[in-house]
Amino acid sequence: DISANIKTVDGYLNDPDLKEYAFSLIKRGTCFVVVKNNGEFRFYPSRFIGYTTNTKDLHSNNLDKDGRVTNAAISSILKKKPVVSEELDKEYCRFCERLGITPNLKGAFGVKRKFWLV
């Protein structure tokens, strides 16, 4: 399900009608699954990719969505917890800049961003 949701986010990033939605997910994220592909880091927000077969409509209408729930599920699947990483935070900022997003200084609620590198 994580892989399917990563493909969904990538699809949104390539869809002119949905890329702004994907940008907002990435900009507001606090915890990210990080995939390095062809030397490039890509960041996927846990609060979106942690729900089974998620879509824009399902996510927007999920009034009970909670990053703590998705973080626990992702940690269980990946067998590790997300970590604070200055290096990955810099890569996150570079990723945002490549997309044309101005990254927030910190994650939601002013906390440091955390990452699972897979």
PDB file of N, CA and C in Angstrom:
ATOM      1  N   ASP A   1       0.814  -1.202   0.000  1.00  0.00           N
ATOM      2  CA  ASP A   1       0.000   0.000   0.000  1.00  0.00           C
ATOM      3  C   ASP A   1       0.857   1.265   0.000  1.00  0.00           C
ATOM      4  N   ILE A   2       2.005   1.218   0.707  1.00  0.00           N
ATOM      5  CA  ILE A   2       2.894   2.385   0.692  1.00  0.00           C
ATOM      6  C   ILE A   2       3.366   2.644  -0.734  1.00  0.00           C
ATOM      7  N   SER A   3       3.793   1.597  -1.431  1.00  0.00           N
ATOM      8  CA  SER A   3       4.272   1.755  -2.813  1.00  0.00           C
ATOM      9  C   SER A   3       3.173   2.290  -3.722  1.00  0.00           C
ATOM     10  N   ALA A   4       1.961   1.777  -3.549  1.00  0.00           N
ATOM     11  CA  ALA A   4       0.846   2.249  -4.375  1.00  0.00           C
ATOM     12  C   ALA A   4       0.578   3.730  -4.113  1.00  0.00           C
ATOM     13  N   ASN A   5       0.633   4.131  -2.855  1.00  0.00           N
ATOM     14  CA  ASN A   5       0.379   5.535  -2.527  1.00  0.00           C
ATOM     15  C   ASN A   5       1.514   6.447  -2.997  1.00  0.00           C
ATOM     16  N   ILE A   6       2.741   5.930  -2.994  1.00  0.00           N
ATOM     17  CA  ILE A   6       3.857   6.690  -3.551  1.00  0.00           C
ATOM     18  C   ILE A   6       3.607   6.932  -5.039  1.00  0.00           C
ATOM     19  N   LYS A   7       3.150   5.904  -5.743  1.00  0.00           N
ATOM     20  CA  LYS A   7       2.827   6.058  -7.170  1.00  0.00           C
ATOM     21  C   LYS A   7       1.693   7.062  -7.359  1.00  0.00           C
ATOM     22  N   THR A   8       0.730   7.059  -6.443  1.00  0.00           N
ATOM     23  CA  THR A   8      -0.371   8.024  -6.524  1.00  0.00           C
ATOM     24  C   THR A   8       0.168   9.452  -6.393  1.00  0.00           C
ATOM     25  N   VAL A   9       1.025   9.691  -5.411  1.00  0.00           N
ATOM     26  CA  VAL A   9       1.592  11.038  -5.236  1.00  0.00           C
ATOM     27  C   VAL A   9       2.400  11.425  -6.469  1.00  0.00           C
ATOM     28  N   ASP A  10       3.219  10.498  -6.993  1.00  0.00           N
ATOM     29  CA  ASP A  10       3.979  10.796  -8.203  1.00  0.00           C
ATOM     30  C   ASP A  10       3.049  11.133  -9.366  1.00  0.00           C
ATOM     31  N   GLY A  11       1.948  10.399  -9.478  1.00  0.00           N
ATOM     32  CA  GLY A  11       0.970  10.692 -10.526  1.00  0.00           C
ATOM     33  C   GLY A  11       0.379  12.084 -10.364  1.00  0.00           C
ATOM     34  N   TYR A  12       0.062  12.457  -9.128  1.00  0.00           N
ATOM     35  CA  TYR A  12      -0.466  13.793  -8.867  1.00  0.00           C
ATOM     36  C   TYR A  12       0.552  14.865  -9.236  1.00  0.00           C
ATOM     37  N   LEU A  13       1.832  14.602  -8.934  1.00  0.00           N
ATOM     38  CA  LEU A  13       2.878  15.581  -9.260  1.00  0.00           C
ATOM     39  C   LEU A  13       3.010  15.784 -10.767  1.00  0.00           C
ATOM     40  N   ASN A  14       2.623  14.786 -11.543  1.00  0.00           N
ATOM     41  CA  ASN A  14       2.715  14.878 -13.002  1.00  0.00           C
ATOM     42  C   ASN A  14       1.405  15.265 -13.668  1.00  0.00           C
ATOM     43  N   ASP A  15       0.371  15.493 -12.886  1.00  0.00           N
ATOM     44  CA  ASP A  15      -0.945  15.840 -13.416  1.00  0.00           C
ATOM     45  C   ASP A  15      -1.190  17.334 -13.194  1.00  0.00           C
ATOM     46  N   PRO A  16      -1.330  18.097 -14.267  1.00  0.00           N
ATOM     47  CA  PRO A  16      -1.524  19.551 -14.102  1.00  0.00           C
ATOM     48  C   PRO A  16      -2.706  19.920 -13.203  1.00  0.00           C
ATOM     49  N   ASP A  17      -3.728  19.073 -13.165  1.00  0.00           N
ATOM     50  CA  ASP A  17      -4.903  19.370 -12.344  1.00  0.00           C
ATOM     51  C   ASP A  17      -4.722  18.980 -10.886  1.00  0.00           C
ATOM     52  N   LEU A  18      -3.739  18.144 -10.567  1.00  0.00           N
ATOM     53  CA  LEU A  18      -3.574  17.641  -9.203  1.00  0.00           C
ATOM     54  C   LEU A  18      -2.238  17.998  -8.561  1.00  0.00           C
ATOM     55  N   LYS A  19      -1.340  18.600  -9.328  1.00  0.00           N
ATOM     56  CA  LYS A  19      -0.011  18.844  -8.772  1.00  0.00           C
ATOM     57  C   LYS A  19      -0.034  19.828  -7.610  1.00  0.00           C
ATOM     58  N   GLU A  20      -0.907  20.817  -7.637  1.00  0.00           N
ATOM     59  CA  GLU A  20      -0.990  21.763  -6.512  1.00  0.00           C
ATOM     60  C   GLU A  20      -1.438  21.040  -5.234  1.00  0.00           C
ATOM     61  N   TYR A  21      -2.315  20.072  -5.381  1.00  0.00           N
ATOM     62  CA  TYR A  21      -2.734  19.278  -4.229  1.00  0.00           C
ATOM     63  C   TYR A  21      -1.537  18.505  -3.676  1.00  0.00           C
ATOM     64  N   ALA A  22      -0.765  17.873  -4.561  1.00  0.00           N
ATOM     65  CA  ALA A  22       0.436  17.139  -4.128  1.00  0.00           C
ATOM     66  C   ALA A  22       1.426  18.094  -3.477  1.00  0.00           C
ATOM     67  N   PHE A  23       1.595  19.281  -4.049  1.00  0.00           N
ATOM     68  CA  PHE A  23       2.487  20.279  -3.456  1.00  0.00           C
ATOM     69  C   PHE A  23       2.069  20.599  -2.025  1.00  0.00           C
ATOM     70  N   SER A  24       0.763  20.752  -1.805  1.00  0.00           N
ATOM     71  CA  SER A  24       0.293  21.103  -0.458  1.00  0.00           C
ATOM     72  C   SER A  24       0.560  19.974   0.534  1.00  0.00           C
ATOM     73  N   LEU A  25       0.427  18.727   0.103  1.00  0.00           N
ATOM     74  CA  LEU A  25       0.737  17.591   0.981  1.00  0.00           C
ATOM     75  C   LEU A  25       2.203  17.607   1.377  1.00  0.00           C
ATOM     76  N   ILE A  26       3.058  17.837   0.398  1.00  0.00           N
ATOM     77  CA  ILE A  26       4.497  17.822   0.634  1.00  0.00           C
ATOM     78  C   ILE A  26       4.915  19.009   1.489  1.00  0.00           C
ATOM     79  N   LYS A  27       4.366  20.166   1.222  1.00  0.00           N
ATOM     80  CA  LYS A  27       4.746  21.372   1.974  1.00  0.00           C
ATOM     81  C   LYS A  27       4.343  21.272   3.440  1.00  0.00           C
ATOM     82  N   ARG A  28       3.160  20.728   3.712  1.00  0.00           N
ATOM     83  CA  ARG A  28       2.660  20.675   5.091  1.00  0.00           C
ATOM     84  C   ARG A  28       3.144  19.464   5.873  1.00  0.00           C
ATOM     85  N   GLY A  29       3.832  18.551   5.221  1.00  0.00           N
ATOM     86  CA  GLY A  29       4.233  17.319   5.878  1.00  0.00           C
ATOM     87  C   GLY A  29       5.232  17.517   7.004  1.00  0.00           C
ATOM     88  N   THR A  30       5.214  16.561   7.913  1.00  0.00           N
ATOM     89  CA  THR A  30       6.168  16.552   9.026  1.00  0.00           C
ATOM     90  C   THR A  30       7.033  15.301   8.972  1.00  0.00           C
ATOM     91  N   CYS A  31       6.434  14.165   8.668  1.00  0.00           N
ATOM     92  CA  CYS A  31       7.170  12.905   8.567  1.00  0.00           C
ATOM     93  C   CYS A  31       7.044  12.400   7.132  1.00  0.00           C
ATOM     94  N   PHE A  32       8.182  11.945   6.598  1.00  0.00           N
ATOM     95  CA  PHE A  32       8.225  11.560   5.193  1.00  0.00           C
ATOM     96  C   PHE A  32       8.925  10.230   4.997  1.00  0.00           C
ATOM     97  N   VAL A  33       8.373   9.421   4.089  1.00  0.00           N
ATOM     98  CA  VAL A  33       9.099   8.280   3.566  1.00  0.00           C
ATOM     99  C   VAL A  33       9.952   8.848   2.426  1.00  0.00           C
ATOM    100  N   VAL A  34      11.237   8.540   2.465  1.00  0.00           N
ATOM    101  CA  VAL A  34      12.181   9.095   1.489  1.00  0.00           C
ATOM    102  C   VAL A  34      12.682   7.973   0.597  1.00  0.00           C
ATOM    103  N   VAL A  35      12.572   8.185  -0.698  1.00  0.00           N
ATOM    104  CA  VAL A  35      13.040   7.220  -1.678  1.00  0.00           C
ATOM    105  C   VAL A  35      14.108   7.899  -2.524  1.00  0.00           C
ATOM    106  N   LYS A  36      15.256   7.240  -2.638  1.00  0.00           N
ATOM    107  CA  LYS A  36      16.314   7.754  -3.505  1.00  0.00           C
ATOM    108  C   LYS A  36      16.267   6.971  -4.798  1.00  0.00           C
ATOM    109  N   ASN A  37      16.058   7.677  -5.893  1.00  0.00           N
ATOM    110  CA  ASN A  37      15.912   7.049  -7.199  1.00  0.00           C
ATOM    111  C   ASN A  37      16.760   7.824  -8.196  1.00  0.00           C
ATOM    112  N   ASN A  38      17.662   7.129  -8.866  1.00  0.00           N
ATOM    113  CA  ASN A  38      18.562   7.762  -9.841  1.00  0.00           C
ATOM    114  C   ASN A  38      19.299   8.950  -9.233  1.00  0.00           C
ATOM    115  N   GLY A  39      19.749   8.791  -7.991  1.00  0.00           N
ATOM    116  CA  GLY A  39      20.526   9.832  -7.327  1.00  0.00           C
ATOM    117  C   GLY A  39      19.712  10.999  -6.798  1.00  0.00           C
ATOM    118  N   GLU A  40      18.389  10.914  -6.922  1.00  0.00           N
ATOM    119  CA  GLU A  40      17.510  12.009  -6.492  1.00  0.00           C
ATOM    120  C   GLU A  40      16.618  11.544  -5.346  1.00  0.00           C
ATOM    121  N   PHE A  41      16.543  12.360  -4.312  1.00  0.00           N
ATOM    122  CA  PHE A  41      15.659  12.062  -3.184  1.00  0.00           C
ATOM    123  C   PHE A  41      14.260  12.572  -3.491  1.00  0.00           C
ATOM    124  N   ARG A  42      13.269  11.738  -3.133  1.00  0.00           N
ATOM    125  CA  ARG A  42      11.855  12.130  -3.259  1.00  0.00           C
ATOM    126  C   ARG A  42      11.203  11.894  -1.902  1.00  0.00           C
ATOM    127  N   PHE A  43      10.301  12.780  -1.535  1.00  0.00           N
ATOM    128  CA  PHE A  43       9.722  12.793  -0.192  1.00  0.00           C
ATOM    129  C   PHE A  43       8.210  12.629  -0.270  1.00  0.00           C
ATOM    130  N   TYR A  44       7.717  11.662   0.519  1.00  0.00           N
ATOM    131  CA  TYR A  44       6.298  11.322   0.508  1.00  0.00           C
ATOM    132  C   TYR A  44       5.740  11.446   1.915  1.00  0.00           C
ATOM    133  N   PRO A  45       4.747  12.320   2.113  1.00  0.00           N
ATOM    134  CA  PRO A  45       4.220  12.568   3.465  1.00  0.00           C
ATOM    135  C   PRO A  45       3.484  11.362   4.045  1.00  0.00           C
ATOM    136  N   SER A  46       3.870  11.020   5.270  1.00  0.00           N
ATOM    137  CA  SER A  46       3.310   9.829   5.918  1.00  0.00           C
ATOM    138  C   SER A  46       1.805   9.937   6.113  1.00  0.00           C
ATOM    139  N   ARG A  47       1.329  11.115   6.364  1.00  0.00           N
ATOM    140  CA  ARG A  47      -0.097  11.287   6.651  1.00  0.00           C
ATOM    141  C   ARG A  47      -0.958  10.944   5.434  1.00  0.00           C
ATOM    142  N   PHE A  48      -0.374  10.999   4.237  1.00  0.00           N
ATOM    143  CA  PHE A  48      -1.102  10.580   3.038  1.00  0.00           C
ATOM    144  C   PHE A  48      -0.791   9.136   2.685  1.00  0.00           C
ATOM    145  N   ILE A  49       0.477   8.771   2.639  1.00  0.00           N
ATOM    146  CA  ILE A  49       0.814   7.435   2.126  1.00  0.00           C
ATOM    147  C   ILE A  49       0.578   6.320   3.140  1.00  0.00           C
ATOM    148  N   GLY A  50       0.277   6.689   4.385  1.00  0.00           N
ATOM    149  CA  GLY A  50       0.069   5.679   5.413  1.00  0.00           C
ATOM    150  C   GLY A  50      -1.325   5.073   5.450  1.00  0.00           C
ATOM    151  N   TYR A  51      -2.244   5.567   4.633  1.00  0.00           N
ATOM    152  CA  TYR A  51      -3.589   4.996   4.574  1.00  0.00           C
ATOM    153  C   TYR A  51      -3.713   4.107   3.343  1.00  0.00           C
ATOM    154  N   THR A  52      -4.421   3.018   3.480  1.00  0.00           N
ATOM    155  CA  THR A  52      -4.574   2.047   2.401  1.00  0.00           C
ATOM    156  C   THR A  52      -5.230   2.684   1.184  1.00  0.00           C
ATOM    157  N   THR A  53      -4.624   2.438   0.021  1.00  0.00           N
ATOM    158  CA  THR A  53      -5.113   2.913  -1.282  1.00  0.00           C
ATOM    159  C   THR A  53      -5.717   4.316  -1.190  1.00  0.00           C
ATOM    160  N   ASN A  54      -4.902   5.253  -0.770  1.00  0.00           N
ATOM    161  CA  ASN A  54      -5.371   6.617  -0.564  1.00  0.00           C
ATOM    162  C   ASN A  54      -5.471   7.381  -1.885  1.00  0.00           C
ATOM    163  N   THR A  55      -6.395   8.319  -1.912  1.00  0.00           N
ATOM    164  CA  THR A  55      -6.578   9.212  -3.052  1.00  0.00           C
ATOM    165  C   THR A  55      -6.889  10.605  -2.499  1.00  0.00           C
ATOM    166  N   LYS A  56      -6.878  11.582  -3.371  1.00  0.00           N
ATOM    167  CA  LYS A  56      -7.215  12.945  -2.958  1.00  0.00           C
ATOM    168  C   LYS A  56      -8.586  12.975  -2.303  1.00  0.00           C
ATOM    169  N   ASP A  57      -9.580  12.365  -2.940  1.00  0.00           N
ATOM    170  CA  ASP A  57     -10.941  12.402  -2.405  1.00  0.00           C
ATOM    171  C   ASP A  57     -11.040  11.683  -1.060  1.00  0.00           C
ATOM    172  N   LEU A  58     -10.452  10.500  -0.957  1.00  0.00           N
ATOM    173  CA  LEU A  58     -10.504   9.770   0.311  1.00  0.00           C
ATOM    174  C   LEU A  58      -9.810  10.564   1.424  1.00  0.00           C
ATOM    175  N   HIS A  59      -8.653  11.117   1.096  1.00  0.00           N
ATOM    176  CA  HIS A  59      -7.877  11.852   2.088  1.00  0.00           C
ATOM    177  C   HIS A  59      -8.612  13.123   2.525  1.00  0.00           C
ATOM    178  N   SER A  60      -9.156  13.835   1.567  1.00  0.00           N
ATOM    179  CA  SER A  60      -9.871  15.086   1.874  1.00  0.00           C
ATOM    180  C   SER A  60     -11.112  14.841   2.719  1.00  0.00           C
ATOM    181  N   ASN A  61     -11.742  13.685   2.533  1.00  0.00           N
ATOM    182  CA  ASN A  61     -12.966  13.376   3.273  1.00  0.00           C
ATOM    183  C   ASN A  61     -12.730  12.572   4.544  1.00  0.00           C
ATOM    184  N   ASN A  62     -11.480  12.244   4.834  1.00  0.00           N
ATOM    185  CA  ASN A  62     -11.157  11.482   6.040  1.00  0.00           C
ATOM    186  C   ASN A  62     -11.003  12.453   7.210  1.00  0.00           C
ATOM    187  N   LEU A  63     -12.042  12.598   7.976  1.00  0.00           N
ATOM    188  CA  LEU A  63     -12.022  13.539   9.100  1.00  0.00           C
ATOM    189  C   LEU A  63     -11.243  13.000  10.290  1.00  0.00           C
ATOM    190  N   ASP A  64     -10.914  11.711  10.256  1.00  0.00           N
ATOM    191  CA  ASP A  64     -10.184  11.087  11.366  1.00  0.00           C
ATOM    192  C   ASP A  64      -8.698  10.891  11.057  1.00  0.00           C
ATOM    193  N   LYS A  65      -8.204  11.460   9.960  1.00  0.00           N
ATOM    194  CA  LYS A  65      -6.805  11.226   9.621  1.00  0.00           C
ATOM    195  C   LYS A  65      -5.898  11.774  10.717  1.00  0.00           C
ATOM    196  N   ASP A  66      -4.855  11.003  10.995  1.00  0.00           N
ATOM    197  CA  ASP A  66      -3.966  11.334  12.107  1.00  0.00           C
ATOM    198  C   ASP A  66      -2.576  10.799  11.794  1.00  0.00           C
ATOM    199  N   GLY A  67      -1.604  11.691  11.729  1.00  0.00           N
ATOM    200  CA  GLY A  67      -0.236  11.295  11.431  1.00  0.00           C
ATOM    201  C   GLY A  67       0.336  10.313  12.429  1.00  0.00           C
ATOM    202  N   ARG A  68      -0.131  10.365  13.666  1.00  0.00           N
ATOM    203  CA  ARG A  68       0.383   9.414  14.662  1.00  0.00           C
ATOM    204  C   ARG A  68      -0.004   7.993  14.287  1.00  0.00           C
ATOM    205  N   VAL A  69      -1.184   7.833  13.727  1.00  0.00           N
ATOM    206  CA  VAL A  69      -1.648   6.505  13.300  1.00  0.00           C
ATOM    207  C   VAL A  69      -0.847   6.025  12.098  1.00  0.00           C
ATOM    208  N   THR A  70      -0.677   6.905  11.111  1.00  0.00           N
ATOM    209  CA  THR A  70       0.067   6.493   9.916  1.00  0.00           C
ATOM    210  C   THR A  70       1.548   6.277  10.238  1.00  0.00           C
ATOM    211  N   ASN A  71       2.109   7.089  11.112  1.00  0.00           N
ATOM    212  CA  ASN A  71       3.518   6.910  11.476  1.00  0.00           C
ATOM    213  C   ASN A  71       3.746   5.554  12.139  1.00  0.00           C
ATOM    214  N   ALA A  72       2.850   5.168  13.016  1.00  0.00           N
ATOM    215  CA  ALA A  72       2.968   3.862  13.677  1.00  0.00           C
ATOM    216  C   ALA A  72       2.853   2.734  12.656  1.00  0.00           C
ATOM    217  N   ALA A  73       1.927   2.866  11.717  1.00  0.00           N
ATOM    218  CA  ALA A  73       1.744   1.832  10.695  1.00  0.00           C
ATOM    219  C   ALA A  73       2.974   1.726   9.800  1.00  0.00           C
ATOM    220  N   ILE A  74       3.496   2.866   9.363  1.00  0.00           N
ATOM    221  CA  ILE A  74       4.677   2.861   8.496  1.00  0.00           C
ATOM    222  C   ILE A  74       5.884   2.313   9.256  1.00  0.00           C
ATOM    223  N   SER A  75       6.062   2.729  10.501  1.00  0.00           N
ATOM    224  CA  SER A  75       7.179   2.228  11.308  1.00  0.00           C
ATOM    225  C   SER A  75       7.104   0.715  11.461  1.00  0.00           C
ATOM    226  N   SER A  76       5.902   0.191  11.642  1.00  0.00           N
ATOM    227  CA  SER A  76       5.719  -1.246  11.780  1.00  0.00           C
ATOM    228  C   SER A  76       6.110  -1.974  10.486  1.00  0.00           C
ATOM    229  N   ILE A  77       5.700  -1.422   9.364  1.00  0.00           N
ATOM    230  CA  ILE A  77       5.991  -2.045   8.072  1.00  0.00           C
ATOM    231  C   ILE A  77       7.483  -1.966   7.750  1.00  0.00           C
ATOM    232  N   LEU A  78       8.086  -0.802   7.982  1.00  0.00           N
ATOM    233  CA  LEU A  78       9.496  -0.600   7.638  1.00  0.00           C
ATOM    234  C   LEU A  78      10.451  -1.101   8.716  1.00  0.00           C
ATOM    235  N   LYS A  79       9.890  -1.470   9.868  1.00  0.00           N
ATOM    236  CA  LYS A  79      10.676  -1.991  10.997  1.00  0.00           C
ATOM    237  C   LYS A  79      11.695  -0.978  11.530  1.00  0.00           C
ATOM    238  N   LYS A  80      11.336   0.298  11.460  1.00  0.00           N
ATOM    239  CA  LYS A  80      12.155   1.361  12.044  1.00  0.00           C
ATOM    240  C   LYS A  80      11.306   2.603  12.204  1.00  0.00           C
ATOM    241  N   LYS A  81      11.741   3.475  13.099  1.00  0.00           N
ATOM    242  CA  LYS A  81      11.027   4.722  13.354  1.00  0.00           C
ATOM    243  C   LYS A  81      11.641   5.836  12.513  1.00  0.00           C
ATOM    244  N   PRO A  82      10.857   6.877  12.248  1.00  0.00           N
ATOM    245  CA  PRO A  82      11.424   8.009  11.514  1.00  0.00           C
ATOM    246  C   PRO A  82      12.422   8.752  12.400  1.00  0.00           C
ATOM    247  N   VAL A  83      13.418   9.344  11.765  1.00  0.00           N
ATOM    248  CA  VAL A  83      14.450  10.045  12.520  1.00  0.00           C
ATOM    249  C   VAL A  83      14.612  11.475  12.013  1.00  0.00           C
ATOM    250  N   VAL A  84      15.036  12.347  12.915  1.00  0.00           N
ATOM    251  CA  VAL A  84      15.415  13.698  12.541  1.00  0.00           C
ATOM    252  C   VAL A  84      16.771  13.598  11.850  1.00  0.00           C
ATOM    253  N   SER A  85      16.908  14.261  10.717  1.00  0.00           N
ATOM    254  CA  SER A  85      18.170  14.231   9.977  1.00  0.00           C
ATOM    255  C   SER A  85      18.365  15.580   9.295  1.00  0.00           C
ATOM    256  N   GLU A  86      19.405  16.282   9.689  1.00  0.00           N
ATOM    257  CA  GLU A  86      19.687  17.573   9.045  1.00  0.00           C
ATOM    258  C   GLU A  86      19.991  17.376   7.561  1.00  0.00           C
ATOM    259  N   GLU A  87      20.700  16.301   7.241  1.00  0.00           N
ATOM    260  CA  GLU A  87      21.035  16.027   5.837  1.00  0.00           C
ATOM    261  C   GLU A  87      19.770  15.799   5.004  1.00  0.00           C
ATOM    262  N   LEU A  88      18.857  14.959   5.512  1.00  0.00           N
ATOM    263  CA  LEU A  88      17.620  14.709   4.765  1.00  0.00           C
ATOM    264  C   LEU A  88      16.719  15.932   4.758  1.00  0.00           C
ATOM    265  N   ASP A  89      16.777  16.751   5.801  1.00  0.00           N
ATOM    266  CA  ASP A  89      15.991  17.981   5.798  1.00  0.00           C
ATOM    267  C   ASP A  89      16.491  18.924   4.696  1.00  0.00           C
ATOM    268  N   LYS A  90      17.792  18.984   4.507  1.00  0.00           N
ATOM    269  CA  LYS A  90      18.346  19.803   3.415  1.00  0.00           C
ATOM    270  C   LYS A  90      17.911  19.244   2.063  1.00  0.00           C
ATOM    271  N   GLU A  91      17.919  17.916   1.945  1.00  0.00           N
ATOM    272  CA  GLU A  91      17.462  17.289   0.699  1.00  0.00           C
ATOM    273  C   GLU A  91      15.975  17.558   0.465  1.00  0.00           C
ATOM    274  N   TYR A  92      15.197  17.546   1.557  1.00  0.00           N
ATOM    275  CA  TYR A  92      13.772  17.877   1.452  1.00  0.00           C
ATOM    276  C   TYR A  92      13.609  19.292   0.886  1.00  0.00           C
ATOM    277  N   CYS A  93      14.371  20.233   1.409  1.00  0.00           N
ATOM    278  CA  CYS A  93      14.294  21.618   0.929  1.00  0.00           C
ATOM    279  C   CYS A  93      14.682  21.698  -0.545  1.00  0.00           C
ATOM    280  N   ARG A  94      15.697  20.950  -0.952  1.00  0.00           N
ATOM    281  CA  ARG A  94      16.091  20.917  -2.370  1.00  0.00           C
ATOM    282  C   ARG A  94      14.977  20.328  -3.232  1.00  0.00           C
ATOM    283  N   PHE A  95      14.344  19.255  -2.722  1.00  0.00           N
ATOM    284  CA  PHE A  95      13.232  18.630  -3.434  1.00  0.00           C
ATOM    285  C   PHE A  95      12.103  19.650  -3.626  1.00  0.00           C
ATOM    286  N   CYS A  96      11.761  20.354  -2.558  1.00  0.00           N
ATOM    287  CA  CYS A  96      10.713  21.377  -2.657  1.00  0.00           C
ATOM    288  C   CYS A  96      11.085  22.437  -3.685  1.00  0.00           C
ATOM    289  N   GLU A  97      12.315  22.888  -3.645  1.00  0.00           N
ATOM    290  CA  GLU A  97      12.759  23.913  -4.593  1.00  0.00           C
ATOM    291  C   GLU A  97      12.666  23.410  -6.027  1.00  0.00           C
ATOM    292  N   ARG A  98      13.026  22.134  -6.266  1.00  0.00           N
ATOM    293  CA  ARG A  98      12.900  21.570  -7.618  1.00  0.00           C
ATOM    294  C   ARG A  98      11.447  21.574  -8.078  1.00  0.00           C
ATOM    295  N   LEU A  99      10.533  21.384  -7.130  1.00  0.00           N
ATOM    296  CA  LEU A  99       9.105  21.383  -7.472  1.00  0.00           C
ATOM    297  C   LEU A  99       8.538  22.792  -7.589  1.00  0.00           C
ATOM    298  N   GLY A 100       9.293  23.787  -7.104  1.00  0.00           N
ATOM    299  CA  GLY A 100       8.796  25.160  -7.106  1.00  0.00           C
ATOM    300  C   GLY A 100       8.008  25.500  -5.850  1.00  0.00           C
ATOM    301  N   ILE A 101       8.218  24.729  -4.792  1.00  0.00           N
ATOM    302  CA  ILE A 101       7.553  24.937  -3.506  1.00  0.00           C
ATOM    303  C   ILE A 101       8.536  25.629  -2.570  1.00  0.00           C
ATOM    304  N   THR A 102       8.055  26.612  -1.832  1.00  0.00           N
ATOM    305  CA  THR A 102       8.868  27.193  -0.773  1.00  0.00           C
ATOM    306  C   THR A 102       8.610  26.387   0.489  1.00  0.00           C
ATOM    307  N   PRO A 103       9.615  25.643   0.975  1.00  0.00           N
ATOM    308  CA  PRO A 103       9.376  24.786   2.151  1.00  0.00           C
ATOM    309  C   PRO A 103       9.168  25.606   3.416  1.00  0.00           C
ATOM    310  N   ASN A 104       8.320  25.080   4.296  1.00  0.00           N
ATOM    311  CA  ASN A 104       8.174  25.686   5.614  1.00  0.00           C
ATOM    312  C   ASN A 104       9.467  25.475   6.385  1.00  0.00           C
ATOM    313  N   LEU A 105       9.736  26.339   7.352  1.00  0.00           N
ATOM    314  CA  LEU A 105      10.949  26.204   8.152  1.00  0.00           C
ATOM    315  C   LEU A 105      10.953  24.915   8.956  1.00  0.00           C
ATOM    316  N   LYS A 106       9.774  24.495   9.422  1.00  0.00           N
ATOM    317  CA  LYS A 106       9.637  23.268  10.208  1.00  0.00           C
ATOM    318  C   LYS A 106       8.374  22.561   9.759  1.00  0.00           C
ATOM    319  N   GLY A 107       8.183  21.359  10.306  1.00  0.00           N
ATOM    320  CA  GLY A 107       6.974  20.607  10.017  1.00  0.00           C
ATOM    321  C   GLY A 107       5.778  21.219  10.734  1.00  0.00           C
ATOM    322  N   ALA A 108       4.648  20.564  10.615  1.00  0.00           N
ATOM    323  CA  ALA A 108       3.425  21.028  11.276  1.00  0.00           C
ATOM    324  C   ALA A 108       3.658  21.183  12.774  1.00  0.00           C
ATOM    325  N   PHE A 109       2.991  22.127  13.351  1.00  0.00           N
ATOM    326  CA  PHE A 109       3.067  22.408  14.788  1.00  0.00           C
ATOM    327  C   PHE A 109       4.467  22.845  15.230  1.00  0.00           C
ATOM    328  N   GLY A 110       5.317  23.262  14.271  1.00  0.00           N
ATOM    329  CA  GLY A 110       6.636  23.765  14.596  1.00  0.00           C
ATOM    330  C   GLY A 110       7.657  22.715  14.997  1.00  0.00           C
ATOM    331  N   VAL A 111       7.372  21.445  14.710  1.00  0.00           N
ATOM    332  CA  VAL A 111       8.313  20.382  15.087  1.00  0.00           C
ATOM    333  C   VAL A 111       9.277  20.103  13.928  1.00  0.00           C
ATOM    334  N   LYS A 112      10.393  19.500  14.272  1.00  0.00           N
ATOM    335  CA  LYS A 112      11.359  19.128  13.241  1.00  0.00           C
ATOM    336  C   LYS A 112      10.803  17.996  12.397  1.00  0.00           C
ATOM    337  N   ARG A 113      11.107  18.053  11.119  1.00  0.00           N
ATOM    338  CA  ARG A 113      10.689  16.977  10.225  1.00  0.00           C
ATOM    339  C   ARG A 113      11.460  15.701  10.548  1.00  0.00           C
ATOM    340  N   LYS A 114      10.813  14.558  10.284  1.00  0.00           N
ATOM    341  CA  LYS A 114      11.430  13.242  10.483  1.00  0.00           C
ATOM    342  C   LYS A 114      11.296  12.434   9.204  1.00  0.00           C
ATOM    343  N   PHE A 115      12.197  11.469   9.077  1.00  0.00           N
ATOM    344  CA  PHE A 115      12.288  10.743   7.814  1.00  0.00           C
ATOM    345  C   PHE A 115      12.558   9.254   8.029  1.00  0.00           C
ATOM    346  N   TRP A 116      11.968   8.454   7.133  1.00  0.00           N
ATOM    347  CA  TRP A 116      12.333   7.060   6.961  1.00  0.00           C
ATOM    348  C   TRP A 116      13.028   7.005   5.606  1.00  0.00           C
ATOM    349  N   LEU A 117      14.272   6.606   5.539  1.00  0.00           N
ATOM    350  CA  LEU A 117      14.956   6.456   4.262  1.00  0.00           C
ATOM    351  C   LEU A 117      14.835   5.000   3.842  1.00  0.00           C
ATOM    352  N   VAL A 118      14.229   4.770   2.676  1.00  0.00           N
ATOM    353  CA  VAL A 118      14.070   3.404   2.171  1.00  0.00           C
ATOM    354  C   VAL A 118      14.788   3.247   0.846  1.00  0.00           C
TER     355      VAL A 118
END
